[in-house]
Full PDB file with SEQRES, HELIX, SHEET, SSBOND, CRYST1, ORIGX, SCALE, CONECT and MASTER records, all heavy atoms in Angstrom:
SEQRES   1 A   31  ALA GLN ASN GLY ILE PRO SER PRO VAL GLY MET PHE LEU          
SEQRES   2 A   31  ALA SER ALA LEU LEU ASP PHE THR LEU SER ILE VAL ILE          
SEQRES   3 A   31  VAL ARG ALA HIS SER                                          
HELIX    1 AA1 VAL A    9  HIS A   30  1                                  22    
CRYST1    1.000    1.000    1.000  90.00  90.00  90.00 P 1           1          
ORIGX1      1.000000  0.000000  0.000000        0.00000                         
ORIGX2      0.000000  1.000000  0.000000        0.00000                         
ORIGX3      0.000000  0.000000  1.000000        0.00000                         
SCALE1      1.000000  0.000000  0.000000        0.00000                         
SCALE2      0.000000  1.000000  0.000000        0.00000                         
SCALE3      0.000000  0.000000  1.000000        0.00000                         
ATOM      1  N   ALA A   1       1.430   4.960   3.521  1.00  0.00           N  
ATOM      2  CA  ALA A   1       2.484   4.247   4.242  1.00  0.00           C  
ATOM      3  C   ALA A   1       3.782   5.051   4.266  1.00  0.00           C  
ATOM      4  O   ALA A   1       4.499   5.064   5.263  1.00  0.00           O  
ATOM      5  CB  ALA A   1       2.726   2.879   3.608  1.00  0.00           C  
ATOM      6  N   GLN A   2       4.095   5.723   3.172  1.00  0.00           N  
ATOM      7  CA  GLN A   2       5.349   6.470   3.083  1.00  0.00           C  
ATOM      8  C   GLN A   2       5.267   7.865   3.684  1.00  0.00           C  
ATOM      9  O   GLN A   2       6.231   8.358   4.252  1.00  0.00           O  
ATOM     10  CB  GLN A   2       5.798   6.573   1.625  1.00  0.00           C  
ATOM     11  CG  GLN A   2       6.264   5.266   1.054  1.00  0.00           C  
ATOM     12  CD  GLN A   2       6.738   5.396  -0.378  1.00  0.00           C  
ATOM     13  OE1 GLN A   2       6.548   6.423  -1.030  1.00  0.00           O  
ATOM     14  NE2 GLN A   2       7.355   4.345  -0.888  1.00  0.00           N  
ATOM     15  N   ASN A   3       4.115   8.516   3.541  1.00  0.00           N  
ATOM     16  CA  ASN A   3       4.010   9.929   3.924  1.00  0.00           C  
ATOM     17  C   ASN A   3       3.005  10.207   5.032  1.00  0.00           C  
ATOM     18  O   ASN A   3       2.843  11.357   5.428  1.00  0.00           O  
ATOM     19  CB  ASN A   3       3.626  10.763   2.694  1.00  0.00           C  
ATOM     20  CG  ASN A   3       4.585  10.573   1.555  1.00  0.00           C  
ATOM     21  OD1 ASN A   3       5.784  10.632   1.735  1.00  0.00           O  
ATOM     22  ND2 ASN A   3       4.068  10.315   0.365  1.00  0.00           N  
ATOM     23  N   GLY A   4       2.296   9.185   5.492  1.00  0.00           N  
ATOM     24  CA  GLY A   4       1.221   9.390   6.454  1.00  0.00           C  
ATOM     25  C   GLY A   4      -0.051   9.793   5.730  1.00  0.00           C  
ATOM     26  O   GLY A   4      -0.040  10.103   4.543  1.00  0.00           O  
ATOM     27  N   ILE A   5      -1.139   9.772   6.468  1.00  0.00           N  
ATOM     28  CA  ILE A   5      -2.434  10.126   5.876  1.00  0.00           C  
ATOM     29  C   ILE A   5      -2.664  11.617   6.080  1.00  0.00           C  
ATOM     30  O   ILE A   5      -2.632  12.107   7.203  1.00  0.00           O  
ATOM     31  CB  ILE A   5      -3.576   9.318   6.528  1.00  0.00           C  
ATOM     32  CG1 ILE A   5      -3.309   7.814   6.382  1.00  0.00           C  
ATOM     33  CG2 ILE A   5      -4.920   9.692   5.891  1.00  0.00           C  
ATOM     34  CD1 ILE A   5      -4.293   6.945   7.127  1.00  0.00           C  
ATOM     35  N   PRO A   6      -2.881  12.357   4.981  1.00  0.00           N  
ATOM     36  CA  PRO A   6      -3.108  13.804   5.119  1.00  0.00           C  
ATOM     37  C   PRO A   6      -4.436  14.099   5.820  1.00  0.00           C  
ATOM     38  O   PRO A   6      -5.293  13.235   5.946  1.00  0.00           O  
ATOM     39  CB  PRO A   6      -3.125  14.309   3.678  1.00  0.00           C  
ATOM     40  CG  PRO A   6      -2.973  13.144   2.790  1.00  0.00           C  
ATOM     41  CD  PRO A   6      -2.912  11.909   3.608  1.00  0.00           C  
ATOM     42  N   SER A   7      -4.581  15.318   6.229  1.00  0.00           N  
ATOM     43  CA  SER A   7      -5.842  15.759   6.843  1.00  0.00           C  
ATOM     44  C   SER A   7      -6.746  16.317   5.764  1.00  0.00           C  
ATOM     45  O   SER A   7      -6.255  16.920   4.799  1.00  0.00           O  
ATOM     46  CB  SER A   7      -5.566  16.844   7.874  1.00  0.00           C  
ATOM     47  OG  SER A   7      -4.888  16.298   8.961  1.00  0.00           O  
ATOM     48  N   PRO A   8      -8.011  16.139   5.867  1.00  0.00           N  
ATOM     49  CA  PRO A   8      -8.731  15.385   6.883  1.00  0.00           C  
ATOM     50  C   PRO A   8      -8.611  13.881   6.632  1.00  0.00           C  
ATOM     51  O   PRO A   8      -8.867  13.396   5.525  1.00  0.00           O  
ATOM     52  CB  PRO A   8     -10.169  15.865   6.759  1.00  0.00           C  
ATOM     53  CG  PRO A   8     -10.293  16.362   5.354  1.00  0.00           C  
ATOM     54  CD  PRO A   8      -8.915  16.819   4.943  1.00  0.00           C  
ATOM     55  N   VAL A   9      -8.219  13.154   7.663  1.00  0.00           N  
ATOM     56  CA  VAL A   9      -7.941  11.723   7.563  1.00  0.00           C  
ATOM     57  C   VAL A   9      -9.136  10.961   7.006  1.00  0.00           C  
ATOM     58  O   VAL A   9      -8.990  10.114   6.126  1.00  0.00           O  
ATOM     59  CB  VAL A   9      -7.511  11.166   8.943  1.00  0.00           C  
ATOM     60  CG1 VAL A   9      -7.417   9.661   8.920  1.00  0.00           C  
ATOM     61  CG2 VAL A   9      -6.188  11.790   9.370  1.00  0.00           C  
ATOM     62  N   GLY A  10     -10.324  11.259   7.502  1.00  0.00           N  
ATOM     63  CA  GLY A  10     -11.521  10.549   7.064  1.00  0.00           C  
ATOM     64  C   GLY A  10     -11.760  10.652   5.571  1.00  0.00           C  
ATOM     65  O   GLY A  10     -12.134   9.675   4.921  1.00  0.00           O  
ATOM     66  N   MET A  11     -11.535  11.824   5.009  1.00  0.00           N  
ATOM     67  CA  MET A  11     -11.758  12.022   3.582  1.00  0.00           C  
ATOM     68  C   MET A  11     -10.771  11.194   2.750  1.00  0.00           C  
ATOM     69  O   MET A  11     -11.150  10.558   1.772  1.00  0.00           O  
ATOM     70  CB  MET A  11     -11.621  13.495   3.198  1.00  0.00           C  
ATOM     71  CG  MET A  11     -11.939  13.756   1.740  1.00  0.00           C  
ATOM     72  SD  MET A  11     -11.719  15.463   1.253  1.00  0.00           S  
ATOM     73  CE  MET A  11      -9.953  15.539   1.061  1.00  0.00           C  
ATOM     74  N   PHE A  12      -9.516  11.165   3.175  1.00  0.00           N  
ATOM     75  CA  PHE A  12      -8.517  10.427   2.405  1.00  0.00           C  
ATOM     76  C   PHE A  12      -8.698   8.923   2.549  1.00  0.00           C  
ATOM     77  O   PHE A  12      -8.507   8.174   1.586  1.00  0.00           O  
ATOM     78  CB  PHE A  12      -7.107  10.878   2.785  1.00  0.00           C  
ATOM     79  CG  PHE A  12      -6.763  12.222   2.197  1.00  0.00           C  
ATOM     80  CD1 PHE A  12      -6.892  13.370   2.939  1.00  0.00           C  
ATOM     81  CD2 PHE A  12      -6.353  12.334   0.881  1.00  0.00           C  
ATOM     82  CE1 PHE A  12      -6.609  14.609   2.398  1.00  0.00           C  
ATOM     83  CE2 PHE A  12      -6.067  13.561   0.313  1.00  0.00           C  
ATOM     84  CZ  PHE A  12      -6.192  14.714   1.076  1.00  0.00           C  
ATOM     85  N   LEU A  13      -9.078   8.457   3.733  1.00  0.00           N  
ATOM     86  CA  LEU A  13      -9.371   7.037   3.898  1.00  0.00           C  
ATOM     87  C   LEU A  13     -10.602   6.639   3.086  1.00  0.00           C  
ATOM     88  O   LEU A  13     -10.627   5.570   2.462  1.00  0.00           O  
ATOM     89  CB  LEU A  13      -9.571   6.692   5.375  1.00  0.00           C  
ATOM     90  CG  LEU A  13      -8.308   6.671   6.228  1.00  0.00           C  
ATOM     91  CD1 LEU A  13      -8.661   6.403   7.687  1.00  0.00           C  
ATOM     92  CD2 LEU A  13      -7.311   5.632   5.719  1.00  0.00           C  
ATOM     93  N   ALA A  14     -11.606   7.506   3.071  1.00  0.00           N  
ATOM     94  CA  ALA A  14     -12.810   7.244   2.278  1.00  0.00           C  
ATOM     95  C   ALA A  14     -12.475   7.176   0.787  1.00  0.00           C  
ATOM     96  O   ALA A  14     -13.027   6.342   0.058  1.00  0.00           O  
ATOM     97  CB  ALA A  14     -13.867   8.306   2.544  1.00  0.00           C  
ATOM     98  N   SER A  15     -11.552   8.026   0.332  1.00  0.00           N  
ATOM     99  CA  SER A  15     -11.146   7.996  -1.080  1.00  0.00           C  
ATOM    100  C   SER A  15     -10.499   6.665  -1.432  1.00  0.00           C  
ATOM    101  O   SER A  15     -10.795   6.079  -2.478  1.00  0.00           O  
ATOM    102  CB  SER A  15     -10.169   9.133  -1.380  1.00  0.00           C  
ATOM    103  OG  SER A  15     -10.800  10.375  -1.231  1.00  0.00           O  
ATOM    104  N   ALA A  16      -9.614   6.184  -0.570  1.00  0.00           N  
ATOM    105  CA  ALA A  16      -8.960   4.897  -0.819  1.00  0.00           C  
ATOM    106  C   ALA A  16      -9.984   3.768  -0.792  1.00  0.00           C  
ATOM    107  O   ALA A  16      -9.973   2.880  -1.661  1.00  0.00           O  
ATOM    108  CB  ALA A  16      -7.862   4.646   0.212  1.00  0.00           C  
ATOM    109  N   LEU A  17     -10.883   3.799   0.174  1.00  0.00           N  
ATOM    110  CA  LEU A  17     -11.922   2.776   0.266  1.00  0.00           C  
ATOM    111  C   LEU A  17     -12.813   2.808  -0.971  1.00  0.00           C  
ATOM    112  O   LEU A  17     -13.194   1.758  -1.503  1.00  0.00           O  
ATOM    113  CB  LEU A  17     -12.753   2.978   1.538  1.00  0.00           C  
ATOM    114  CG  LEU A  17     -13.850   1.960   1.786  1.00  0.00           C  
ATOM    115  CD1 LEU A  17     -13.264   0.561   1.949  1.00  0.00           C  
ATOM    116  CD2 LEU A  17     -14.641   2.340   3.026  1.00  0.00           C  
ATOM    117  N   LEU A  18     -13.138   4.003  -1.456  1.00  0.00           N  
ATOM    118  CA  LEU A  18     -13.950   4.137  -2.665  1.00  0.00           C  
ATOM    119  C   LEU A  18     -13.248   3.510  -3.866  1.00  0.00           C  
ATOM    120  O   LEU A  18     -13.876   2.813  -4.665  1.00  0.00           O  
ATOM    121  CB  LEU A  18     -14.280   5.604  -2.938  1.00  0.00           C  
ATOM    122  CG  LEU A  18     -15.109   5.872  -4.198  1.00  0.00           C  
ATOM    123  CD1 LEU A  18     -16.481   5.210  -4.093  1.00  0.00           C  
ATOM    124  CD2 LEU A  18     -15.252   7.370  -4.417  1.00  0.00           C  
ATOM    125  N   ASP A  19     -11.945   3.724  -4.004  1.00  0.00           N  
ATOM    126  CA  ASP A  19     -11.200   3.144  -5.122  1.00  0.00           C  
ATOM    127  C   ASP A  19     -11.326   1.622  -5.135  1.00  0.00           C  
ATOM    128  O   ASP A  19     -11.612   1.016  -6.170  1.00  0.00           O  
ATOM    129  CB  ASP A  19      -9.717   3.520  -5.056  1.00  0.00           C  
ATOM    130  CG  ASP A  19      -9.467   4.997  -5.273  1.00  0.00           C  
ATOM    131  OD1 ASP A  19     -10.311   5.659  -5.891  1.00  0.00           O  
ATOM    132  OD2 ASP A  19      -8.414   5.486  -4.800  1.00  0.00           O  
ATOM    133  N   PHE A  20     -11.105   1.007  -3.979  1.00  0.00           N  
ATOM    134  CA  PHE A  20     -11.179  -0.451  -3.901  1.00  0.00           C  
ATOM    135  C   PHE A  20     -12.608  -0.953  -4.080  1.00  0.00           C  
ATOM    136  O   PHE A  20     -12.858  -1.889  -4.840  1.00  0.00           O  
ATOM    137  CB  PHE A  20     -10.600  -0.957  -2.577  1.00  0.00           C  
ATOM    138  CG  PHE A  20      -9.112  -0.789  -2.493  1.00  0.00           C  
ATOM    139  CD1 PHE A  20      -8.556   0.038  -1.534  1.00  0.00           C  
ATOM    140  CD2 PHE A  20      -8.266  -1.442  -3.366  1.00  0.00           C  
ATOM    141  CE1 PHE A  20      -7.179   0.209  -1.449  1.00  0.00           C  
ATOM    142  CE2 PHE A  20      -6.887  -1.284  -3.301  1.00  0.00           C  
ATOM    143  CZ  PHE A  20      -6.347  -0.457  -2.346  1.00  0.00           C  
ATOM    144  N   THR A  21     -13.544  -0.305  -3.412  1.00  0.00           N  
ATOM    145  CA  THR A  21     -14.942  -0.732  -3.487  1.00  0.00           C  
ATOM    146  C   THR A  21     -15.483  -0.578  -4.899  1.00  0.00           C  
ATOM    147  O   THR A  21     -16.121  -1.493  -5.434  1.00  0.00           O  
ATOM    148  CB  THR A  21     -15.800   0.084  -2.494  1.00  0.00           C  
ATOM    149  OG1 THR A  21     -15.262  -0.084  -1.187  1.00  0.00           O  
ATOM    150  CG2 THR A  21     -17.239  -0.367  -2.519  1.00  0.00           C  
ATOM    151  N   LEU A  22     -15.225   0.559  -5.510  1.00  0.00           N  
ATOM    152  CA  LEU A  22     -15.721   0.825  -6.858  1.00  0.00           C  
ATOM    153  C   LEU A  22     -15.205  -0.219  -7.844  1.00  0.00           C  
ATOM    154  O   LEU A  22     -15.974  -0.781  -8.625  1.00  0.00           O  
ATOM    155  CB  LEU A  22     -15.300   2.233  -7.286  1.00  0.00           C  
ATOM    156  CG  LEU A  22     -16.026   2.895  -8.433  1.00  0.00           C  
ATOM    157  CD1 LEU A  22     -17.511   3.014  -8.143  1.00  0.00           C  
ATOM    158  CD2 LEU A  22     -15.438   4.273  -8.683  1.00  0.00           C  
ATOM    159  N   SER A  23     -13.917  -0.511  -7.798  1.00  0.00           N  
ATOM    160  CA  SER A  23     -13.356  -1.471  -8.749  1.00  0.00           C  
ATOM    161  C   SER A  23     -13.909  -2.877  -8.523  1.00  0.00           C  
ATOM    162  O   SER A  23     -14.230  -3.588  -9.480  1.00  0.00           O  
ATOM    163  CB  SER A  23     -11.826  -1.466  -8.686  1.00  0.00           C  
ATOM    164  OG  SER A  23     -11.376  -1.797  -7.388  1.00  0.00           O  
ATOM    165  N   ILE A  24     -14.058  -3.284  -7.272  1.00  0.00           N  
ATOM    166  CA  ILE A  24     -14.585  -4.618  -6.973  1.00  0.00           C  
ATOM    167  C   ILE A  24     -16.056  -4.727  -7.373  1.00  0.00           C  
ATOM    168  O   ILE A  24     -16.482  -5.723  -7.977  1.00  0.00           O  
ATOM    169  CB  ILE A  24     -14.373  -4.959  -5.484  1.00  0.00           C  
ATOM    170  CG1 ILE A  24     -12.872  -5.149  -5.216  1.00  0.00           C  
ATOM    171  CG2 ILE A  24     -15.168  -6.194  -5.073  1.00  0.00           C  
ATOM    172  CD1 ILE A  24     -12.496  -5.177  -3.749  1.00  0.00           C  
ATOM    173  N   VAL A  25     -16.831  -3.701  -7.089  1.00  0.00           N  
ATOM    174  CA  VAL A  25     -18.253  -3.710  -7.467  1.00  0.00           C  
ATOM    175  C   VAL A  25     -18.391  -3.748  -8.982  1.00  0.00           C  
ATOM    176  O   VAL A  25     -19.231  -4.489  -9.516  1.00  0.00           O  
ATOM    177  CB  VAL A  25     -18.996  -2.498  -6.862  1.00  0.00           C  
ATOM    178  CG1 VAL A  25     -20.382  -2.324  -7.475  1.00  0.00           C  
ATOM    179  CG2 VAL A  25     -19.101  -2.653  -5.356  1.00  0.00           C  
ATOM    180  N   ILE A  26     -17.577  -2.994  -9.700  1.00  0.00           N  
ATOM    181  CA  ILE A  26     -17.627  -3.007 -11.166  1.00  0.00           C  
ATOM    182  C   ILE A  26     -17.379  -4.412 -11.693  1.00  0.00           C  
ATOM    183  O   ILE A  26     -18.126  -4.925 -12.526  1.00  0.00           O  
ATOM    184  CB  ILE A  26     -16.619  -2.000 -11.769  1.00  0.00           C  
ATOM    185  CG1 ILE A  26     -17.114  -0.567 -11.568  1.00  0.00           C  
ATOM    186  CG2 ILE A  26     -16.397  -2.274 -13.262  1.00  0.00           C  
ATOM    187  CD1 ILE A  26     -16.083   0.503 -11.921  1.00  0.00           C  
ATOM    188  N   VAL A  27     -16.340  -5.069 -11.209  1.00  0.00           N  
ATOM    189  CA  VAL A  27     -15.994  -6.409 -11.701  1.00  0.00           C  
ATOM    190  C   VAL A  27     -17.096  -7.412 -11.376  1.00  0.00           C  
ATOM    191  O   VAL A  27     -17.534  -8.181 -12.237  1.00  0.00           O  
ATOM    192  CB  VAL A  27     -14.631  -6.863 -11.131  1.00  0.00           C  
ATOM    193  CG1 VAL A  27     -14.392  -8.344 -11.371  1.00  0.00           C  
ATOM    194  CG2 VAL A  27     -13.511  -6.035 -11.743  1.00  0.00           C  
ATOM    195  N   ARG A  28     -17.555  -7.419 -10.145  1.00  0.00           N  
ATOM    196  CA  ARG A  28     -18.579  -8.406  -9.748  1.00  0.00           C  
ATOM    197  C   ARG A  28     -19.901  -8.162 -10.462  1.00  0.00           C  
ATOM    198  O   ARG A  28     -20.531  -9.093 -10.960  1.00  0.00           O  
ATOM    199  CB  ARG A  28     -18.762  -8.392  -8.238  1.00  0.00           C  
ATOM    200  CG  ARG A  28     -17.466  -8.866  -7.560  1.00  0.00           C  
ATOM    201  CD  ARG A  28     -17.636  -9.367  -6.213  1.00  0.00           C  
ATOM    202  NE  ARG A  28     -18.547 -10.507  -6.213  1.00  0.00           N  
ATOM    203  CZ  ARG A  28     -18.962 -11.080  -5.109  1.00  0.00           C  
ATOM    204  NH1 ARG A  28     -18.554 -10.621  -3.958  1.00  0.00           N  
ATOM    205  NH2 ARG A  28     -19.776 -12.104  -5.151  1.00  0.00           N  
ATOM    206  N   ALA A  29     -20.344  -6.914 -10.518  1.00  0.00           N  
ATOM    207  CA  ALA A  29     -21.619  -6.615 -11.166  1.00  0.00           C  
ATOM    208  C   ALA A  29     -21.548  -6.877 -12.669  1.00  0.00           C  
ATOM    209  O   ALA A  29     -22.499  -7.403 -13.262  1.00  0.00           O  
ATOM    210  CB  ALA A  29     -22.042  -5.177 -10.886  1.00  0.00           C  
ATOM    211  N   HIS A  30     -20.423  -6.544 -13.282  1.00  0.00           N  
ATOM    212  CA  HIS A  30     -20.305  -6.784 -14.720  1.00  0.00           C  
ATOM    213  C   HIS A  30     -20.276  -8.280 -15.015  1.00  0.00           C  
ATOM    214  O   HIS A  30     -20.868  -8.726 -16.004  1.00  0.00           O  
ATOM    215  CB  HIS A  30     -19.073  -6.085 -15.283  1.00  0.00           C  
ATOM    216  CG  HIS A  30     -19.034  -6.074 -16.775  1.00  0.00           C  
ATOM    217  ND1 HIS A  30     -20.022  -5.503 -17.546  1.00  0.00           N  
ATOM    218  CD2 HIS A  30     -18.137  -6.579 -17.651  1.00  0.00           C  
ATOM    219  CE1 HIS A  30     -19.732  -5.652 -18.821  1.00  0.00           C  
ATOM    220  NE2 HIS A  30     -18.597  -6.313 -18.904  1.00  0.00           N  
ATOM    221  N   SER A  31     -19.614  -9.041 -14.179  1.00  0.00           N  
ATOM    222  CA  SER A  31     -19.615 -10.500 -14.352  1.00  0.00           C  
ATOM    223  C   SER A  31     -21.041 -11.041 -14.281  1.00  0.00           C  
ATOM    224  O   SER A  31     -21.433 -11.896 -15.085  1.00  0.00           O  
ATOM    225  CB  SER A  31     -18.750 -11.169 -13.280  1.00  0.00           C  
ATOM    226  OG  SER A  31     -17.409 -10.807 -13.450  1.00  0.00           O  
TER     227      SER A  31                                                      
MASTER        0    0    0    1    0    0    0    6  226    1    0    3          
END                                                                             
């Protein structure tokens, strides 16, 4: 939001998506 998405855009968006997905999957599966 502050600096824009660096290139390659897809890789950085995938990294952010992985962070959210990984944490949510960990919590739900562990529960």
